[in-house]
Amino acid sequence: MSFHNLFTSILERTNFTREAAFVGKIYMYSKLTLFCAGLNFFRVNNYGIQIVFFFVYINLQIAFAFFVASFFSSVKIATVIGYIYVFGSGLLGAFLFRFFIEDINFSRGWILVMEIVPGFSLYRGLYELGQYAFSGNAMGATGMMWENLKDPINGMRDILIVMTVEWALMLVLAFYLDQVSSIGGSVGNPLLFFRCLQKKYAPPLQSSFVQQNHKVAVDMEKADVAQERHVVEQLLMDSNANQAIICDNLRKVYPGKDGNPDKLAVRGLSLALPKGQCFGMLGPNGAGKTSFISMMVGLTKPTSGTAYAHGMDIRMDMDDIYTNMGVCPQHDLLWETLTGKEHLFFYARLKNLKGAALVKAVNDSLKSVTLFHGGVGDKQVGKYSGGMKRRLSVAISLIGDPKVVYMDEPSTGLDPASRNNLWNIVKEAKRNRAIILTTHSMEEAEVLCDRLGIFVDGEFQCLGNPKELKARYGGAYIFTVTTPPEQESEIEQLVHRLSPSANKIYNLSGTQKFELPKQEVRIADVFHAVERAKSRLSIHAWGLVDTTLEDVFIKVAKGAPVFNDVA
């Protein structure tokens, strides 16, 4: 949610309040049920003491959970450890801690130390309430009252003090660890936290290149990719550079698990994108496109290198970047019970829109993605089709006039009419902002993108506008012909008579594709040759087309080097 400008501190307060309300409601229902059942534990003890005790414990337990969550990256492992802690502390309290409490020779100081564990604090409080309830019921008197907190043998006062102090401390530590994590640090690197407390100014852009590594990289790169890296270097040295996005040697490595080697997802990516331009990333599945987007929107931290959005560093200034950023993720992040209009109102308010401007922005967004008329915007998202959800995600990414927008396969699941409408929206939107778009649709890339980068195995293989790429990698016609399989050899001979350098690129069940270099063949010669061949061959279908972007993509992807290490 952070990349939609929902700041971490707000999200934490919301989650804490929600958890406290949820647990508090369960407690109240349980207490009411047990009270009605006549359980003296709840009936004879002072209600105020019970409320204070359970209120402090509930908040301590939630703060403790927030604190401990910083040490886990796996939800499953955290859940298992949580269950072990709950049952383990309960069993230890009943079968071990109780004997320490009742042993008059055991040090009271050590008991206080043990009560730092929230589970033991809970047990001690319940123990004291139970003892007073039992004795009060036996003597026909009341249970624990406020004046009983002064009794030297009553540990409730100490418990309340310990839990209150620990609650405050856990909140501070949880916030501290979250801030360290948010700037790419770790629990083992605590000094990074103090960088969050400094007043943030846009730092002078500095290159993260190591010159020796840079020279090696340029030697291996294609000329256009190396030129882009050089442009980035020059921009980083220019304090007045006015680029919407600058990626400087961005690198992401995922640690290996279960004995597998580390996975290098992004290999030193460098890119400069000015305002008013749409940049398209083409690449096969697993090429690293989504990893790149995840780093740019703050979902993951780069292993090395960095990127700047309007001069703000993604490693340090993500909270500021979020206010001017829109994201259409690969998978729709929507609430099924909210309406489309409620989604847009929510995200528009996060972008500080208010009053008439808020209403106008929401209505305009719904109209732009054809979700306004017929009351569609007032329907719950759970009743939307997949295409309608996708259009809503695009509208969310553009609301609030963000200066940088990331779209991860935005037209997935759309019918042709909706796709064309979406393209018009994106073309209109890029006039005053920078857009980075990933897609598998070559048609979409040609229509929307001013520049393209073919991304394979974590790095760019080529960069340029669609026409440049087709001219550079497609100096040939694509000749396709379908015949019975037994006539394939004759067709191949025919093609080589037309163009001695022709290259067969596809062959399946009688259908063959050839690349014919343009300098060797004329279109008229191909037509005459095919017409003459029809008299002796069974030509079911044939075609001659110029190189398409899809052909360029396949050619570049197949020719890309494959890396098996992360060095």
Protein backbone atom coordinates (compact mmCIF):
# COMPACT_ATOMS: atom_id res chain seq x y z
CA MET A 1 0.00 0.00 0.00
CA SER A 2 2.96 2.30 0.45
CA PHE A 3 3.34 2.89 -3.27
CA HIS A 4 -0.16 4.41 -3.27
CA ASN A 5 1.05 7.03 -0.75
CA LEU A 6 -0.28 5.26 2.33
CA PHE A 7 2.63 6.04 4.64
CA THR A 8 4.06 3.29 6.82
CA SER A 9 3.32 5.16 10.07
CA ILE A 10 -0.35 5.58 9.12
CA LEU A 11 -0.59 1.94 8.12
CA GLU A 12 1.00 0.85 11.40
CA ARG A 13 -1.39 2.95 13.49
CA THR A 14 -4.34 1.62 11.52
CA ASN A 15 -3.22 -1.99 11.94
CA PHE A 16 -2.53 -1.49 15.65
CA THR A 17 -5.93 0.09 16.25
CA ARG A 18 -7.68 -2.62 14.23
CA GLU A 19 -5.94 -5.43 16.10
CA ALA A 20 -6.62 -3.81 19.48
CA ALA A 21 -10.30 -3.34 18.62
CA PHE A 22 -10.58 -6.92 17.36
CA VAL A 23 -8.93 -8.50 20.41
CA GLY A 24 -10.79 -6.14 22.76
CA LYS A 25 -14.11 -7.15 21.21
CA ILE A 26 -13.29 -10.85 21.68
CA TYR A 27 -12.37 -10.15 25.31
CA MET A 28 -15.60 -8.28 25.99
CA TYR A 29 -17.72 -11.05 24.45
CA SER A 30 -15.82 -13.71 26.41
CA LYS A 31 -16.08 -11.76 29.67
CA LEU A 32 -19.80 -11.20 29.18
CA THR A 33 -20.37 -14.88 28.44
CA LEU A 34 -18.40 -16.06 31.45
CA PHE A 35 -20.03 -13.42 33.65
CA CYS A 36 -23.48 -14.61 32.64
CA ALA A 37 -22.37 -18.18 33.32
CA GLY A 38 -21.71 -17.16 36.94
CA LEU A 39 -17.92 -17.50 36.98
CA ASN A 40 -16.83 -15.83 40.23
CA PHE A 41 -13.46 -14.89 38.78
CA PHE A 42 -15.19 -12.11 36.81
CA ARG A 43 -18.03 -11.39 39.25
CA VAL A 44 -16.25 -10.69 42.55
CA ASN A 45 -13.10 -8.86 41.38
CA ASN A 46 -13.29 -5.14 40.74
CA TYR A 47 -14.33 -4.51 37.14
CA GLY A 48 -12.02 -1.51 36.82
CA ILE A 49 -8.95 -3.55 37.73
CA GLN A 50 -9.93 -6.24 35.25
CA ILE A 51 -10.48 -3.73 32.46
CA VAL A 52 -7.15 -1.96 33.09
CA PHE A 53 -5.29 -5.26 33.35
CA PHE A 54 -6.68 -6.76 30.14
CA PHE A 55 -6.46 -3.44 28.26
CA VAL A 56 -2.75 -3.05 29.05
CA TYR A 57 -2.04 -6.71 28.31
CA ILE A 58 -3.85 -6.65 24.95
CA ASN A 59 -1.92 -3.59 23.80
CA LEU A 60 1.35 -5.03 25.11
CA GLN A 61 0.77 -8.27 23.22
CA ILE A 62 0.01 -6.44 19.95
CA ALA A 63 3.07 -4.17 20.35
CA PHE A 64 5.16 -7.26 21.14
CA ALA A 65 3.86 -8.96 17.97
CA PHE A 66 4.75 -5.88 15.87
CA PHE A 67 8.23 -5.89 17.39
CA VAL A 68 8.88 -9.60 16.86
CA ALA A 69 7.49 -9.45 13.28
CA SER A 70 10.56 -7.43 12.27
CA PHE A 71 12.71 -10.54 12.72
CA PHE A 72 10.68 -12.75 10.35
CA SER A 73 10.44 -12.73 6.57
CA SER A 74 8.17 -15.78 6.33
CA VAL A 75 4.56 -15.63 7.53
CA LYS A 76 4.44 -19.41 8.00
CA ILE A 77 7.51 -19.48 10.22
CA ALA A 78 6.23 -16.52 12.25
CA THR A 79 2.87 -18.26 12.72
CA VAL A 80 4.48 -21.49 13.94
CA ILE A 81 6.79 -19.63 16.34
CA GLY A 82 3.80 -17.61 17.58
CA TYR A 83 1.81 -20.75 18.43
CA ILE A 84 4.84 -22.28 20.15
CA TYR A 85 5.30 -19.10 22.21
CA VAL A 86 1.63 -18.91 23.27
CA PHE A 87 1.34 -22.55 24.30
CA GLY A 88 4.88 -22.71 25.68
CA SER A 89 4.51 -19.63 27.91
CA GLY A 90 1.15 -20.92 29.15
CA LEU A 91 2.53 -24.33 30.05
CA LEU A 92 5.64 -22.86 31.65
CA GLY A 93 3.48 -20.44 33.62
CA ALA A 94 1.22 -23.18 34.96
CA PHE A 95 3.89 -25.80 35.71
CA LEU A 96 6.98 -23.71 36.52
CA PHE A 97 6.32 -20.02 37.10
CA ARG A 98 3.53 -20.74 39.59
CA PHE A 99 5.91 -22.57 41.93
CA PHE A 100 8.30 -19.60 41.90
CA ILE A 101 5.45 -17.28 42.84
CA GLU A 102 4.32 -19.48 45.73
CA ASP A 103 7.87 -20.09 46.96
CA ILE A 104 8.42 -17.43 49.66
CA ASN A 105 12.17 -18.04 49.54
CA PHE A 106 12.47 -17.28 45.84
CA SER A 107 13.74 -13.78 45.00
CA ARG A 108 10.96 -11.29 44.15
CA GLY A 109 13.44 -9.53 41.86
CA TRP A 110 13.85 -12.58 39.67
CA ILE A 111 10.10 -12.95 39.49
CA LEU A 112 9.90 -9.38 38.13
CA VAL A 113 12.54 -10.24 35.54
CA MET A 114 10.55 -13.28 34.43
CA GLU A 115 7.40 -11.15 34.21
CA ILE A 116 9.01 -9.18 31.40
CA VAL A 117 7.81 -12.05 29.18
CA PRO A 118 4.22 -11.02 28.30
CA GLY A 119 2.97 -14.59 28.74
CA PHE A 120 4.24 -14.72 32.31
CA SER A 121 2.77 -11.27 33.02
CA LEU A 122 -0.61 -12.54 31.90
CA TYR A 123 -0.31 -15.65 34.05
CA ARG A 124 0.73 -13.65 37.15
CA GLY A 125 -2.20 -11.25 36.73
CA LEU A 126 -4.68 -14.09 36.30
CA TYR A 127 -3.12 -15.88 39.27
CA GLU A 128 -3.59 -12.86 41.55
CA LEU A 129 -7.19 -12.28 40.36
CA GLY A 130 -7.91 -15.98 40.88
CA GLN A 131 -6.47 -16.02 44.40
CA TYR A 132 -8.51 -12.99 45.49
CA ALA A 133 -11.65 -14.35 43.83
CA PHE A 134 -11.23 -17.73 45.60
CA SER A 135 -10.61 -16.24 49.02
CA GLY A 136 -13.39 -13.66 48.63
CA ASN A 137 -15.88 -16.30 47.58
CA ALA A 138 -14.88 -18.60 50.44
CA MET A 139 -15.34 -15.84 53.04
CA GLY A 140 -18.39 -14.30 51.42
CA ALA A 141 -16.47 -11.10 50.70
CA THR A 142 -15.37 -9.24 47.59
CA GLY A 143 -12.37 -10.14 45.48
CA MET A 144 -9.54 -7.79 44.48
CA MET A 145 -10.25 -4.07 44.97
CA TRP A 146 -8.12 -1.05 44.23
CA GLU A 147 -6.98 -0.78 47.85
CA ASN A 148 -5.69 -4.36 47.67
CA LEU A 149 -3.00 -3.25 45.21
CA LYS A 150 -1.08 -1.92 48.23
CA ASP A 151 -0.90 -5.39 49.84
CA PRO A 152 2.74 -6.52 49.96
CA ILE A 153 1.85 -10.00 48.76
CA ASN A 154 -0.24 -8.71 45.83
CA GLY A 155 1.79 -8.66 42.62
CA MET A 156 -0.89 -6.95 40.47
CA ARG A 157 0.57 -3.44 40.90
CA ASP A 158 4.01 -4.63 39.81
CA ILE A 159 2.45 -6.43 36.85
CA LEU A 160 0.61 -3.31 35.69
CA ILE A 161 3.78 -1.21 35.96
CA VAL A 162 5.90 -3.80 34.12
CA MET A 163 3.37 -4.25 31.31
CA THR A 164 2.79 -0.49 30.85
CA VAL A 165 6.51 0.27 30.63
CA GLU A 166 7.08 -2.70 28.36
CA TRP A 167 4.15 -1.67 26.13
CA ALA A 168 5.66 1.78 25.56
CA LEU A 169 9.12 0.29 24.99
CA MET A 170 7.83 -2.27 22.48
CA LEU A 171 6.06 0.44 20.50
CA VAL A 172 9.27 2.45 20.24
CA LEU A 173 11.35 -0.59 19.27
CA ALA A 174 8.78 -1.75 16.71
CA PHE A 175 8.78 1.69 15.09
CA TYR A 176 12.58 1.78 15.20
CA LEU A 177 13.02 -1.56 13.46
CA ASP A 178 10.39 -0.71 10.86
CA GLN A 179 12.21 2.53 10.01
CA VAL A 180 15.53 0.70 9.72
CA SER A 181 13.91 -1.81 7.38
CA SER A 182 12.20 0.91 5.32
CA ILE A 183 15.54 2.47 4.34
CA GLY A 184 17.10 -0.84 3.40
CA GLY A 185 18.92 -1.48 6.64
CA SER A 186 18.73 -4.42 8.97
CA VAL A 187 18.47 -5.18 12.64
CA GLY A 188 22.22 -5.64 12.62
CA ASN A 189 22.78 -2.16 11.18
CA PRO A 190 20.89 0.11 13.63
CA LEU A 191 22.74 3.35 12.90
CA LEU A 192 20.83 3.65 9.62
CA PHE A 193 17.80 4.68 11.66
CA PHE A 194 19.24 8.07 12.48
CA ARG A 195 19.33 8.93 8.79
CA CYS A 196 15.53 8.90 8.91
CA LEU A 197 15.58 11.62 11.59
CA GLN A 198 17.58 14.04 9.44
CA LYS A 199 15.82 16.70 7.43
CA LYS A 200 15.64 15.34 3.91
CA TYR A 201 17.02 17.41 1.08
CA ALA A 202 17.46 16.12 -2.42
CA PRO A 203 21.12 15.05 -2.35
CA PRO A 204 23.39 15.74 -5.28
CA LEU A 205 23.12 12.82 -7.64
CA GLN A 206 26.21 10.68 -7.52
CA SER A 207 27.06 7.74 -9.66
CA SER A 208 27.27 4.35 -7.98
CA PHE A 209 29.65 3.04 -10.62
CA VAL A 210 32.87 1.38 -9.77
CA GLN A 211 34.99 2.48 -12.71
CA GLN A 212 36.71 -0.84 -13.28
CA ASN A 213 33.45 -2.80 -13.23
CA HIS A 214 31.89 -0.18 -15.47
CA LYS A 215 34.60 -0.64 -18.10
CA VAL A 216 34.09 -4.40 -18.12
CA ALA A 217 30.31 -3.92 -18.40
CA VAL A 218 30.62 -1.55 -21.35
CA ASP A 219 32.89 -3.97 -23.16
CA MET A 220 30.18 -6.64 -22.98
CA GLU A 221 27.19 -4.42 -23.72
CA LYS A 222 25.60 -3.49 -27.01
CA ALA A 223 26.40 0.01 -28.23
CA ASP A 224 22.95 1.44 -27.46
CA VAL A 225 22.94 0.03 -23.92
CA ALA A 226 26.46 1.33 -23.30
CA GLN A 227 25.41 4.72 -24.66
CA GLU A 228 22.48 4.82 -22.23
CA ARG A 229 24.87 4.08 -19.36
CA HIS A 230 27.10 6.93 -20.53
CA VAL A 231 24.09 9.28 -20.65
CA VAL A 232 23.21 8.32 -17.08
CA GLU A 233 26.78 9.06 -15.95
CA GLN A 234 26.63 12.51 -17.54
CA LEU A 235 23.24 13.27 -15.97
CA LEU A 236 24.45 12.23 -12.53
CA MET A 237 27.30 14.73 -12.77
CA ASP A 238 24.88 17.50 -13.81
CA SER A 239 23.21 19.01 -10.73
CA ASN A 240 20.58 20.64 -12.99
CA ALA A 241 19.57 17.40 -14.72
CA ASN A 242 15.82 17.47 -15.25
CA GLN A 243 14.95 13.83 -15.71
CA ALA A 244 11.87 12.16 -14.29
CA ILE A 245 13.65 8.85 -13.69
CA ILE A 246 17.34 7.97 -13.55
CA CYS A 247 18.41 4.40 -12.81
CA ASP A 248 22.06 4.08 -11.92
CA ASN A 249 23.56 0.59 -12.16
CA LEU A 250 20.54 -0.93 -10.41
CA ARG A 251 21.12 -4.49 -9.27
CA LYS A 252 18.98 -7.05 -7.43
CA VAL A 253 20.12 -10.41 -6.11
CA TYR A 254 17.75 -12.84 -4.40
CA PRO A 255 19.54 -15.11 -1.91
CA GLY A 256 19.48 -18.79 -2.76
CA LYS A 257 17.37 -21.15 -0.68
CA ASP A 258 17.48 -24.88 0.00
CA GLY A 259 20.96 -25.18 -1.45
CA ASN A 260 20.14 -23.32 -4.66
CA PRO A 261 22.51 -20.57 -5.88
CA ASP A 262 21.69 -16.89 -5.61
CA LYS A 263 19.43 -15.49 -8.34
CA LEU A 264 20.60 -12.31 -10.07
CA ALA A 265 17.32 -10.77 -11.23
CA VAL A 266 18.54 -7.33 -12.37
CA ARG A 267 22.11 -6.87 -13.63
CA GLY A 268 23.32 -3.29 -13.35
CA LEU A 269 20.44 -1.55 -15.12
CA SER A 270 21.00 2.06 -16.19
CA LEU A 271 18.22 4.16 -17.70
CA ALA A 272 17.29 7.83 -18.09
CA LEU A 273 13.68 8.78 -18.74
CA PRO A 274 12.52 12.38 -19.26
CA LYS A 275 9.10 13.79 -18.47
CA GLY A 276 6.50 13.22 -21.17
CA GLN A 277 7.89 9.89 -22.33
CA CYS A 278 6.54 6.35 -22.08
CA PHE A 279 9.23 3.70 -21.84
CA GLY A 280 8.31 0.08 -22.58
CA MET A 281 10.07 -2.95 -21.15
CA LEU A 282 9.71 -6.10 -23.24
CA GLY A 283 11.00 -9.40 -22.02
CA PRO A 284 10.14 -13.06 -21.49
CA ASN A 285 8.66 -14.29 -18.23
CA GLY A 286 11.28 -14.34 -15.49
CA ALA A 287 13.49 -11.76 -17.21
CA GLY A 288 13.43 -9.46 -14.16
CA LYS A 289 10.88 -6.84 -15.24
CA THR A 290 8.69 -7.18 -12.15
CA SER A 291 11.78 -7.20 -9.90
CA PHE A 292 12.80 -3.88 -11.46
CA ILE A 293 9.32 -2.40 -10.93
CA SER A 294 9.30 -3.70 -7.34
CA MET A 295 12.52 -1.84 -6.59
CA MET A 296 11.28 1.36 -8.20
CA VAL A 297 8.05 1.38 -6.16
CA GLY A 298 9.74 0.50 -2.87
CA LEU A 299 8.49 -3.07 -2.45
CA THR A 300 12.03 -4.44 -2.45
CA LYS A 301 15.42 -2.83 -1.90
CA PRO A 302 18.17 -2.85 -4.52
CA THR A 303 21.18 -4.99 -3.69
CA SER A 304 23.41 -2.28 -5.14
CA GLY A 305 23.07 0.83 -7.26
CA THR A 306 20.11 3.16 -6.94
CA ALA A 307 17.53 5.14 -8.86
CA TYR A 308 16.16 8.66 -8.65
CA ALA A 309 12.61 9.87 -9.25
CA HIS A 310 12.68 13.63 -9.80
CA GLY A 311 15.97 13.76 -7.89
CA MET A 312 14.78 11.70 -4.91
CA ASP A 313 16.70 8.54 -4.03
CA ILE A 314 14.64 5.32 -3.84
CA ARG A 315 16.89 4.12 -1.00
CA MET A 316 16.20 7.11 1.25
CA ASP A 317 13.26 9.19 0.02
CA MET A 318 10.48 6.72 -0.78
CA ASP A 319 7.97 8.51 1.47
CA ASP A 320 8.44 11.64 -0.63
CA ILE A 321 8.44 9.68 -3.89
CA TYR A 322 5.11 8.05 -3.02
CA THR A 323 3.33 11.41 -3.09
CA ASN A 324 4.16 11.80 -6.80
CA MET A 325 3.95 8.19 -7.92
CA GLY A 326 1.21 6.00 -9.36
CA VAL A 327 1.33 2.22 -9.76
CA CYS A 328 -0.75 -0.27 -11.69
CA PRO A 329 0.58 -3.60 -10.35
CA GLN A 330 0.64 -6.84 -12.28
CA HIS A 331 -2.14 -8.24 -10.10
CA ASP A 332 -5.11 -6.10 -9.03
CA LEU A 333 -4.93 -4.96 -5.39
CA LEU A 334 -8.59 -4.23 -4.70
CA TRP A 335 -11.09 -4.71 -1.88
CA GLU A 336 -13.97 -6.88 -2.98
CA THR A 337 -16.49 -5.20 -0.66
CA LEU A 338 -15.75 -1.61 -1.74
CA THR A 339 -17.18 0.01 -4.84
CA GLY A 340 -15.06 1.33 -7.68
CA LYS A 341 -15.92 4.89 -6.68
CA GLU A 342 -14.96 4.24 -3.05
CA HIS A 343 -11.56 2.94 -4.19
CA LEU A 344 -10.91 6.12 -6.15
CA PHE A 345 -12.11 8.35 -3.29
CA PHE A 346 -9.76 6.53 -0.94
CA TYR A 347 -6.68 6.84 -3.14
CA ALA A 348 -7.51 10.40 -4.19
CA ARG A 349 -7.62 11.45 -0.52
CA LEU A 350 -4.21 9.85 -0.04
CA LYS A 351 -3.00 12.20 -2.79
CA ASN A 352 -4.41 15.17 -0.80
CA LEU A 353 -7.39 15.86 -3.05
CA LYS A 354 -10.34 17.49 -1.27
CA GLY A 355 -13.76 19.00 -1.87
CA ALA A 356 -14.94 19.67 -5.41
CA ALA A 357 -11.53 18.74 -6.87
CA LEU A 358 -11.82 15.33 -5.22
CA VAL A 359 -15.28 14.61 -6.63
CA LYS A 360 -14.30 15.83 -10.10
CA ALA A 361 -11.12 13.74 -10.16
CA VAL A 362 -13.04 10.60 -9.15
CA ASN A 363 -15.81 11.11 -11.71
CA ASP A 364 -13.33 11.93 -14.47
CA SER A 365 -11.32 8.81 -13.65
CA LEU A 366 -14.41 6.61 -13.79
CA LYS A 367 -15.43 8.13 -17.12
CA SER A 368 -11.97 7.69 -18.60
CA VAL A 369 -12.05 3.93 -17.98
CA THR A 370 -15.77 3.60 -18.88
CA LEU A 371 -16.90 2.69 -15.35
CA PHE A 372 -19.07 5.75 -14.78
CA HIS A 373 -22.27 5.24 -16.73
CA GLY A 374 -24.94 2.78 -15.68
CA GLY A 375 -23.94 2.96 -12.02
CA VAL A 376 -20.97 0.66 -12.57
CA GLY A 377 -18.79 2.78 -10.29
CA ASP A 378 -21.27 2.27 -7.43
CA LYS A 379 -21.11 -1.52 -7.62
CA GLN A 380 -18.91 -3.59 -5.34
CA VAL A 381 -15.62 -4.58 -6.98
CA GLY A 382 -16.35 -8.21 -6.15
CA LYS A 383 -19.05 -8.08 -8.86
CA TYR A 384 -16.66 -6.67 -11.50
CA SER A 385 -15.29 -8.74 -14.35
CA GLY A 386 -11.53 -9.19 -14.66
CA GLY A 387 -11.34 -6.50 -17.34
CA MET A 388 -13.30 -4.01 -15.23
CA LYS A 389 -10.96 -4.59 -12.28
CA ARG A 390 -8.00 -4.00 -14.55
CA ARG A 391 -9.42 -0.71 -15.79
CA LEU A 392 -10.05 0.37 -12.20
CA SER A 393 -6.42 -0.40 -11.32
CA VAL A 394 -5.27 1.82 -14.17
CA ALA A 395 -7.56 4.62 -12.99
CA ILE A 396 -6.13 4.31 -9.46
CA SER A 397 -2.58 4.61 -10.80
CA LEU A 398 -3.38 7.89 -12.59
CA ILE A 399 -5.57 9.63 -10.02
CA GLY A 400 -4.03 12.58 -8.19
CA ASP A 401 -1.83 13.58 -11.15
CA PRO A 402 1.30 11.56 -10.26
CA LYS A 403 4.50 12.63 -12.01
CA VAL A 404 5.85 9.09 -12.37
CA VAL A 405 3.67 6.07 -13.19
CA TYR A 406 4.60 2.38 -13.34
CA MET A 407 2.29 0.02 -15.23
CA ASP A 408 2.98 -3.70 -15.07
CA GLU A 409 1.10 -5.36 -17.96
CA PRO A 410 -1.87 -2.95 -17.72
CA SER A 411 -3.97 -4.40 -20.56
CA THR A 412 -4.01 -7.97 -19.29
CA GLY A 413 -7.53 -9.44 -19.56
CA LEU A 414 -9.05 -6.57 -21.58
CA ASP A 415 -11.19 -7.02 -24.68
CA PRO A 416 -10.06 -5.19 -27.87
CA ALA A 417 -12.41 -2.22 -27.39
CA SER A 418 -11.40 -1.71 -23.74
CA ARG A 419 -7.74 -2.13 -24.68
CA ASN A 420 -7.93 0.59 -27.32
CA ASN A 421 -9.69 2.87 -24.84
CA LEU A 422 -6.96 2.17 -22.28
CA TRP A 423 -4.28 3.02 -24.83
CA ASN A 424 -5.92 6.37 -25.46
CA ILE A 425 -5.90 7.04 -21.71
CA VAL A 426 -2.20 6.22 -21.43
CA LYS A 427 -1.28 8.31 -24.48
CA GLU A 428 -3.13 11.26 -22.98
CA ALA A 429 -1.62 10.68 -19.53
CA LYS A 430 2.02 10.62 -20.68
CA ARG A 431 1.92 14.24 -21.84
CA ASN A 432 2.90 15.60 -18.43
CA ARG A 433 4.46 12.60 -16.71
CA ALA A 434 6.91 9.76 -17.20
CA ILE A 435 5.53 6.25 -17.59
CA ILE A 436 7.37 2.94 -17.39
CA LEU A 437 5.31 0.11 -18.84
CA THR A 438 5.97 -3.62 -19.01
CA THR A 439 4.02 -5.68 -21.50
CA HIS A 440 3.99 -8.86 -23.58
CA SER A 441 1.92 -7.19 -26.30
CA MET A 442 4.09 -5.99 -29.17
CA GLU A 443 1.15 -4.05 -30.57
CA GLU A 444 0.70 -2.24 -27.26
CA ALA A 445 4.41 -1.43 -27.10
CA GLU A 446 4.37 0.08 -30.61
CA VAL A 447 1.26 2.15 -29.95
CA LEU A 448 2.20 3.55 -26.54
CA CYS A 449 5.95 3.61 -26.13
CA ASP A 450 8.33 6.33 -27.27
CA ARG A 451 11.26 4.07 -26.44
CA LEU A 452 11.61 0.36 -25.85
CA GLY A 453 14.08 -1.83 -24.05
CA ILE A 454 14.21 -5.58 -24.61
CA PHE A 455 15.05 -7.04 -21.22
CA VAL A 456 16.46 -10.57 -21.04
CA ASP A 457 18.07 -12.35 -18.09
CA GLY A 458 18.18 -9.22 -15.94
CA GLU A 459 19.65 -6.73 -18.39
CA PHE A 460 18.84 -4.69 -21.49
CA GLN A 461 19.83 -6.27 -24.79
CA CYS A 462 18.86 -3.24 -26.86
CA LEU A 463 17.27 0.20 -26.51
CA GLY A 464 15.56 2.47 -29.01
CA ASN A 465 12.22 3.50 -30.46
CA PRO A 466 10.18 0.82 -32.29
CA LYS A 467 11.20 2.00 -35.76
CA GLU A 468 14.90 2.03 -34.86
CA LEU A 469 14.75 -1.48 -33.43
CA LYS A 470 12.96 -2.87 -36.47
CA ALA A 471 15.42 -1.16 -38.79
CA ARG A 472 18.42 -2.38 -36.76
CA TYR A 473 17.38 -5.97 -36.25
CA GLY A 474 14.92 -6.46 -39.06
CA GLY A 475 16.75 -5.79 -42.35
CA ALA A 476 14.82 -8.63 -43.92
CA TYR A 477 11.40 -9.65 -45.16
CA ILE A 478 9.59 -12.55 -43.51
CA PHE A 479 8.36 -15.03 -46.13
CA THR A 480 5.83 -17.58 -44.88
CA VAL A 481 4.50 -20.44 -46.99
CA THR A 482 2.36 -23.52 -46.22
CA THR A 483 2.53 -26.66 -48.37
CA PRO A 484 2.21 -30.41 -47.84
CA PRO A 485 5.19 -31.64 -45.77
CA GLU A 486 6.64 -33.62 -48.66
CA GLN A 487 7.08 -30.40 -50.70
CA GLU A 488 9.11 -28.57 -48.07
CA SER A 489 12.45 -29.19 -49.76
CA GLU A 490 11.21 -27.78 -53.08
CA ILE A 491 9.99 -24.62 -51.33
CA GLU A 492 13.37 -24.27 -49.64
CA GLN A 493 15.11 -24.54 -53.03
CA LEU A 494 12.75 -21.91 -54.44
CA VAL A 495 13.56 -19.53 -51.61
CA HIS A 496 17.31 -19.95 -51.99
CA ARG A 497 17.05 -19.23 -55.71
CA LEU A 498 15.35 -15.95 -54.80
CA SER A 499 17.77 -15.14 -51.96
CA PRO A 500 20.96 -17.19 -51.50
CA SER A 501 21.37 -15.85 -47.95
CA ALA A 502 17.82 -16.69 -46.86
CA ASN A 503 17.56 -18.12 -43.37
CA LYS A 504 14.86 -20.57 -42.28
CA ILE A 505 13.53 -19.47 -38.88
CA TYR A 506 10.47 -21.72 -38.50
CA ASN A 507 9.31 -25.10 -39.75
CA LEU A 508 6.28 -27.07 -38.57
CA SER A 509 4.03 -29.49 -40.47
CA GLY A 510 4.58 -27.92 -43.87
CA THR A 511 4.59 -24.31 -42.71
CA GLN A 512 7.97 -22.62 -43.15
CA LYS A 513 9.24 -19.13 -42.41
CA PHE A 514 12.29 -17.56 -44.00
CA GLU A 515 14.19 -14.35 -43.51
CA LEU A 516 14.99 -12.77 -46.86
CA PRO A 517 17.63 -10.00 -46.70
CA LYS A 518 16.15 -6.89 -48.29
CA GLN A 519 19.26 -6.16 -50.30
CA GLU A 520 18.98 -9.53 -52.08
CA VAL A 521 15.34 -9.66 -53.08
CA ARG A 522 12.61 -7.57 -54.66
CA ILE A 523 8.98 -7.95 -53.64
CA ALA A 524 7.86 -8.30 -57.29
CA ASP A 525 10.28 -11.23 -57.81
CA VAL A 526 8.78 -13.06 -54.86
CA PHE A 527 5.25 -12.64 -56.21
CA HIS A 528 6.22 -13.89 -59.70
CA ALA A 529 8.12 -16.89 -58.26
CA VAL A 530 5.18 -17.95 -56.08
CA GLU A 531 2.67 -17.62 -58.95
CA ARG A 532 4.84 -19.80 -61.18
CA ALA A 533 5.33 -22.36 -58.41
CA LYS A 534 1.57 -22.74 -57.89
CA SER A 535 1.33 -24.65 -61.17
CA ARG A 536 3.46 -27.52 -59.82
CA LEU A 537 3.21 -27.19 -56.02
CA SER A 538 0.24 -27.28 -53.65
CA ILE A 539 0.69 -23.91 -51.96
CA HIS A 540 -2.12 -23.59 -49.40
CA ALA A 541 -1.14 -20.15 -48.15
CA TRP A 542 1.75 -17.74 -48.31
CA GLY A 543 2.66 -14.24 -47.21
CA LEU A 544 5.46 -11.68 -47.30
CA VAL A 545 5.70 -9.09 -44.55
CA ASP A 546 8.22 -6.62 -43.26
CA THR A 547 9.92 -7.41 -39.97
CA THR A 548 7.58 -6.95 -37.00
CA LEU A 549 8.48 -5.97 -33.47
CA GLU A 550 7.65 -9.51 -32.44
CA ASP A 551 10.28 -10.81 -34.85
CA VAL A 552 12.80 -8.39 -33.38
CA PHE A 553 11.91 -9.50 -29.86
CA ILE A 554 12.30 -13.19 -30.68
CA LYS A 555 15.59 -12.58 -32.48
CA VAL A 556 17.07 -10.51 -29.66
CA ALA A 557 15.82 -12.85 -26.93
CA LYS A 558 17.28 -15.91 -28.63
CA GLY A 559 20.61 -14.19 -29.17
CA ALA A 560 20.97 -12.93 -25.60
CA PRO A 561 23.80 -14.46 -23.55
CA VAL A 562 22.76 -16.70 -20.68
CA PHE A 563 24.39 -16.20 -17.27
CA ASN A 564 24.47 -18.96 -14.67
CA ASP A 565 26.16 -17.05 -11.85
CA VAL A 566 25.80 -13.79 -9.97
CA ALA A 567 29.37 -12.54 -10.24
